[in-house]
Amino acid sequence: MTTIVIIIHVLLGLALIGLVLIQHGKGADAGAAFGSGASGTVHGARGPANTLQKVTGWMVVAFFGTSLLLAYVINTSQEPSSVVDSAPVSESGNASDKDGDTPSDKPTDVPSSNSAAPSGDEDGSTQSPSDVPGQ
């Protein structure tokens, strides 16, 4: 049903654009007041403008009706849900780690004190504080 209403809504919108572009502006009737050729037409000087205005008015009512119908259908077709309910939850969730810190408390770029990385020179040798001269 939603697809049909959307198709009707789009077609009404395109038809409204076409009808508005076909109609004459307010300043276009100034020539007819002084006897310029529009008085000899089938509908008279003001006939087609009134017909087009009536059709445009009814199409506007239909367009607003389909707009309201679409809003109603889309609101009632979906169950209300929260973004929080649809958010993925990790394995650890909000639980604490082994040492009691939450993951957001730990900086990721600073190595921990119990890491396996050597703390010495590039050749892999390590120095204890007693080996450092001057201390």
C-alpha atoms as a PDB file:
ATOM      1  CA  MET A   1       0.000   0.000   0.000  1.00  0.00           C
ATOM      2  CA  THR A   2       2.843   2.364   0.823  1.00  0.00           C
ATOM      3  CA  THR A   3       4.330   1.919  -2.638  1.00  0.00           C
ATOM      4  CA  ILE A   4       1.050   2.799  -4.332  1.00  0.00           C
ATOM      5  CA  VAL A   5       0.617   5.934  -2.208  1.00  0.00           C
ATOM      6  CA  ILE A   6       4.210   6.999  -2.948  1.00  0.00           C
ATOM      7  CA  ILE A   7       3.672   6.543  -6.701  1.00  0.00           C
ATOM      8  CA  ILE A   8       0.443   8.590  -6.578  1.00  0.00           C
ATOM      9  CA  HIS A   9       2.186  11.245  -4.482  1.00  0.00           C
ATOM     10  CA  VAL A  10       5.063  11.603  -6.966  1.00  0.00           C
ATOM     11  CA  LEU A  11       2.696  11.736  -9.951  1.00  0.00           C
ATOM     12  CA  LEU A  12       0.584  14.407  -8.243  1.00  0.00           C
ATOM     13  CA  GLY A  13       3.709  16.428  -7.532  1.00  0.00           C
ATOM     14  CA  LEU A  14       4.856  16.263 -11.156  1.00  0.00           C
ATOM     15  CA  ALA A  15       1.366  17.153 -12.409  1.00  0.00           C
ATOM     16  CA  LEU A  16       1.232  20.135 -10.047  1.00  0.00           C
ATOM     17  CA  ILE A  17       4.561  21.392 -11.345  1.00  0.00           C
ATOM     18  CA  GLY A  18       3.278  21.109 -14.911  1.00  0.00           C
ATOM     19  CA  LEU A  19      -0.021  22.851 -14.156  1.00  0.00           C
ATOM     20  CA  VAL A  20       1.654  25.739 -12.380  1.00  0.00           C
ATOM     21  CA  LEU A  21       4.069  26.235 -15.263  1.00  0.00           C
ATOM     22  CA  ILE A  22       1.241  26.189 -17.832  1.00  0.00           C
ATOM     23  CA  GLN A  23      -0.785  28.913 -16.088  1.00  0.00           C
ATOM     24  CA  HIS A  24      -0.379  32.568 -16.938  1.00  0.00           C
ATOM     25  CA  GLY A  25       0.909  35.008 -14.378  1.00  0.00           C
ATOM     26  CA  LYS A  26      -1.077  37.949 -13.048  1.00  0.00           C
ATOM     27  CA  GLY A  27       0.673  40.408 -15.375  1.00  0.00           C
ATOM     28  CA  ALA A  28      -0.169  38.368 -18.484  1.00  0.00           C
ATOM     29  CA  ASP A  29      -3.845  39.426 -18.336  1.00  0.00           C
ATOM     30  CA  ALA A  30      -3.077  43.123 -18.766  1.00  0.00           C
ATOM     31  CA  GLY A  31      -2.987  42.736 -22.564  1.00  0.00           C
ATOM     32  CA  ALA A  32      -6.448  41.108 -22.636  1.00  0.00           C
ATOM     33  CA  ALA A  33      -7.962  44.114 -20.881  1.00  0.00           C
ATOM     34  CA  PHE A  34      -7.035  46.335 -23.837  1.00  0.00           C
ATOM     35  CA  GLY A  35      -8.494  44.036 -26.505  1.00  0.00           C
ATOM     36  CA  SER A  36      -5.531  41.830 -27.346  1.00  0.00           C
ATOM     37  CA  GLY A  37      -6.725  38.573 -29.033  1.00  0.00           C
ATOM     38  CA  ALA A  38      -7.665  36.450 -25.966  1.00  0.00           C
ATOM     39  CA  SER A  39     -11.331  37.451 -25.982  1.00  0.00           C
ATOM     40  CA  GLY A  40     -12.074  35.385 -29.104  1.00  0.00           C
ATOM     41  CA  THR A  41     -11.019  32.034 -27.622  1.00  0.00           C
ATOM     42  CA  VAL A  42     -13.317  29.096 -26.774  1.00  0.00           C
ATOM     43  CA  HIS A  43     -13.521  29.765 -23.024  1.00  0.00           C
ATOM     44  CA  GLY A  44     -13.362  33.545 -23.243  1.00  0.00           C
ATOM     45  CA  ALA A  45     -10.707  35.791 -21.761  1.00  0.00           C
ATOM     46  CA  ARG A  46     -10.841  34.271 -18.236  1.00  0.00           C
ATOM     47  CA  GLY A  47     -12.323  30.794 -18.893  1.00  0.00           C
ATOM     48  CA  PRO A  48      -9.271  28.499 -19.070  1.00  0.00           C
ATOM     49  CA  ALA A  49      -7.522  30.277 -16.230  1.00  0.00           C
ATOM     50  CA  ASN A  50     -10.433  29.527 -13.912  1.00  0.00           C
ATOM     51  CA  THR A  51     -10.515  25.868 -15.013  1.00  0.00           C
ATOM     52  CA  LEU A  52      -6.777  25.462 -14.521  1.00  0.00           C
ATOM     53  CA  GLN A  53      -6.959  27.156 -11.137  1.00  0.00           C
ATOM     54  CA  LYS A  54      -9.721  24.797  -9.997  1.00  0.00           C
ATOM     55  CA  VAL A  55      -7.831  21.716 -11.184  1.00  0.00           C
ATOM     56  CA  THR A  56      -4.673  22.975  -9.491  1.00  0.00           C
ATOM     57  CA  GLY A  57      -6.551  23.579  -6.252  1.00  0.00           C
ATOM     58  CA  TRP A  58      -8.006  20.060  -6.214  1.00  0.00           C
ATOM     59  CA  MET A  59      -4.619  18.551  -7.024  1.00  0.00           C
ATOM     60  CA  VAL A  60      -3.074  20.489  -4.133  1.00  0.00           C
ATOM     61  CA  VAL A  61      -5.727  19.045  -1.803  1.00  0.00           C
ATOM     62  CA  ALA A  62      -4.941  15.538  -3.106  1.00  0.00           C
ATOM     63  CA  PHE A  63      -1.191  16.139  -2.693  1.00  0.00           C
ATOM     64  CA  PHE A  64      -1.623  17.213   0.937  1.00  0.00           C
ATOM     65  CA  GLY A  65      -3.905  14.227   1.504  1.00  0.00           C
ATOM     66  CA  THR A  66      -1.305  11.782   0.219  1.00  0.00           C
ATOM     67  CA  SER A  67       1.334  13.541   2.343  1.00  0.00           C
ATOM     68  CA  LEU A  68      -0.738  13.037   5.487  1.00  0.00           C
ATOM     69  CA  LEU A  69      -1.573   9.458   4.501  1.00  0.00           C
ATOM     70  CA  LEU A  70       2.104   8.645   3.971  1.00  0.00           C
ATOM     71  CA  ALA A  71       3.016  10.128   7.347  1.00  0.00           C
ATOM     72  CA  TYR A  72       0.295   8.071   9.039  1.00  0.00           C
ATOM     73  CA  VAL A  73       1.155   4.806   7.255  1.00  0.00           C
ATOM     74  CA  ILE A  74       4.875   5.080   7.909  1.00  0.00           C
ATOM     75  CA  ASN A  75       4.386   5.978  11.594  1.00  0.00           C
ATOM     76  CA  THR A  76       1.982   3.120  12.287  1.00  0.00           C
ATOM     77  CA  SER A  77       3.776   0.435  10.268  1.00  0.00           C
ATOM     78  CA  GLN A  78       6.944   0.433  12.395  1.00  0.00           C
ATOM     79  CA  GLU A  79       7.258  -0.512  16.027  1.00  0.00           C
ATOM     80  CA  PRO A  80       8.716   2.272  18.109  1.00  0.00           C
ATOM     81  CA  SER A  81      12.249   1.352  19.084  1.00  0.00           C
ATOM     82  CA  SER A  82      15.187   2.986  20.732  1.00  0.00           C
ATOM     83  CA  VAL A  83      18.610   3.460  19.199  1.00  0.00           C
ATOM     84  CA  VAL A  84      20.101   2.170  22.441  1.00  0.00           C
ATOM     85  CA  ASP A  85      18.266  -1.138  22.016  1.00  0.00           C
ATOM     86  CA  SER A  86      19.758  -1.643  18.551  1.00  0.00           C
ATOM     87  CA  ALA A  87      23.351  -0.765  19.531  1.00  0.00           C
ATOM     88  CA  PRO A  88      25.771  -3.728  19.423  1.00  0.00           C
ATOM     89  CA  VAL A  89      27.063  -4.925  22.789  1.00  0.00           C
ATOM     90  CA  SER A  90      30.607  -6.274  23.099  1.00  0.00           C
ATOM     91  CA  GLU A  91      31.516  -9.441  25.031  1.00  0.00           C
ATOM     92  CA  SER A  92      32.935  -7.572  28.014  1.00  0.00           C
ATOM     93  CA  GLY A  93      30.151  -4.979  27.881  1.00  0.00           C
ATOM     94  CA  ASN A  94      30.459  -2.601  30.819  1.00  0.00           C
ATOM     95  CA  ALA A  95      32.037  -5.195  33.101  1.00  0.00           C
ATOM     96  CA  SER A  96      35.408  -4.452  34.677  1.00  0.00           C
ATOM     97  CA  ASP A  97      38.653  -6.035  33.505  1.00  0.00           C
ATOM     98  CA  LYS A  98      40.871  -8.177  35.719  1.00  0.00           C
ATOM     99  CA  ASP A  99      42.646  -5.219  37.309  1.00  0.00           C
ATOM    100  CA  GLY A 100      39.427  -3.299  37.944  1.00  0.00           C
ATOM    101  CA  ASP A 101      39.857  -0.626  35.260  1.00  0.00           C
ATOM    102  CA  THR A 102      37.276  -0.233  32.565  1.00  0.00           C
ATOM    103  CA  PRO A 103      38.528  -0.189  28.964  1.00  0.00           C
ATOM    104  CA  SER A 104      37.780   3.531  28.654  1.00  0.00           C
ATOM    105  CA  ASP A 105      40.083   4.345  31.612  1.00  0.00           C
ATOM    106  CA  LYS A 106      43.195   2.824  29.998  1.00  0.00           C
ATOM    107  CA  PRO A 107      45.131   4.779  27.399  1.00  0.00           C
ATOM    108  CA  THR A 108      45.753   2.628  24.342  1.00  0.00           C
ATOM    109  CA  ASP A 109      49.094   4.091  23.260  1.00  0.00           C
ATOM    110  CA  VAL A 110      50.961   3.732  26.595  1.00  0.00           C
ATOM    111  CA  PRO A 111      52.464   0.276  27.286  1.00  0.00           C
ATOM    112  CA  SER A 112      51.625  -1.213  30.646  1.00  0.00           C
ATOM    113  CA  SER A 113      54.287  -1.873  33.282  1.00  0.00           C
ATOM    114  CA  ASN A 114      54.004  -5.648  32.901  1.00  0.00           C
ATOM    115  CA  SER A 115      54.500  -5.684  29.113  1.00  0.00           C
ATOM    116  CA  ALA A 116      57.027  -8.011  27.510  1.00  0.00           C
ATOM    117  CA  ALA A 117      58.841  -5.219  25.646  1.00  0.00           C
ATOM    118  CA  PRO A 118      62.523  -4.775  26.622  1.00  0.00           C
ATOM    119  CA  SER A 119      63.333  -1.546  28.381  1.00  0.00           C
ATOM    120  CA  GLY A 120      67.002  -1.412  27.376  1.00  0.00           C
ATOM    121  CA  ASP A 121      69.103  -0.606  24.325  1.00  0.00           C
ATOM    122  CA  GLU A 122      68.348  -1.650  20.815  1.00  0.00           C
ATOM    123  CA  ASP A 123      70.623  -4.697  21.090  1.00  0.00           C
ATOM    124  CA  GLY A 124      68.314  -6.223  23.683  1.00  0.00           C
ATOM    125  CA  SER A 125      70.556  -5.788  26.721  1.00  0.00           C
ATOM    126  CA  THR A 126      68.921  -4.375  29.776  1.00  0.00           C
ATOM    127  CA  GLN A 127      70.498  -2.289  32.500  1.00  0.00           C
ATOM    128  CA  SER A 128      69.525  -2.316  36.098  1.00  0.00           C
ATOM    129  CA  PRO A 129      69.743   0.903  38.149  1.00  0.00           C
ATOM    130  CA  SER A 130      72.946  -0.333  39.791  1.00  0.00           C
ATOM    131  CA  ASP A 131      74.694  -0.563  36.387  1.00  0.00           C
ATOM    132  CA  VAL A 132      74.037   3.054  35.512  1.00  0.00           C
ATOM    133  CA  PRO A 133      77.127   5.160  36.285  1.00  0.00           C
ATOM    134  CA  GLY A 134      76.759   8.181  38.508  1.00  0.00           C
ATOM    135  CA  GLN A 135      74.056   6.799  40.763  1.00  0.00           C
END
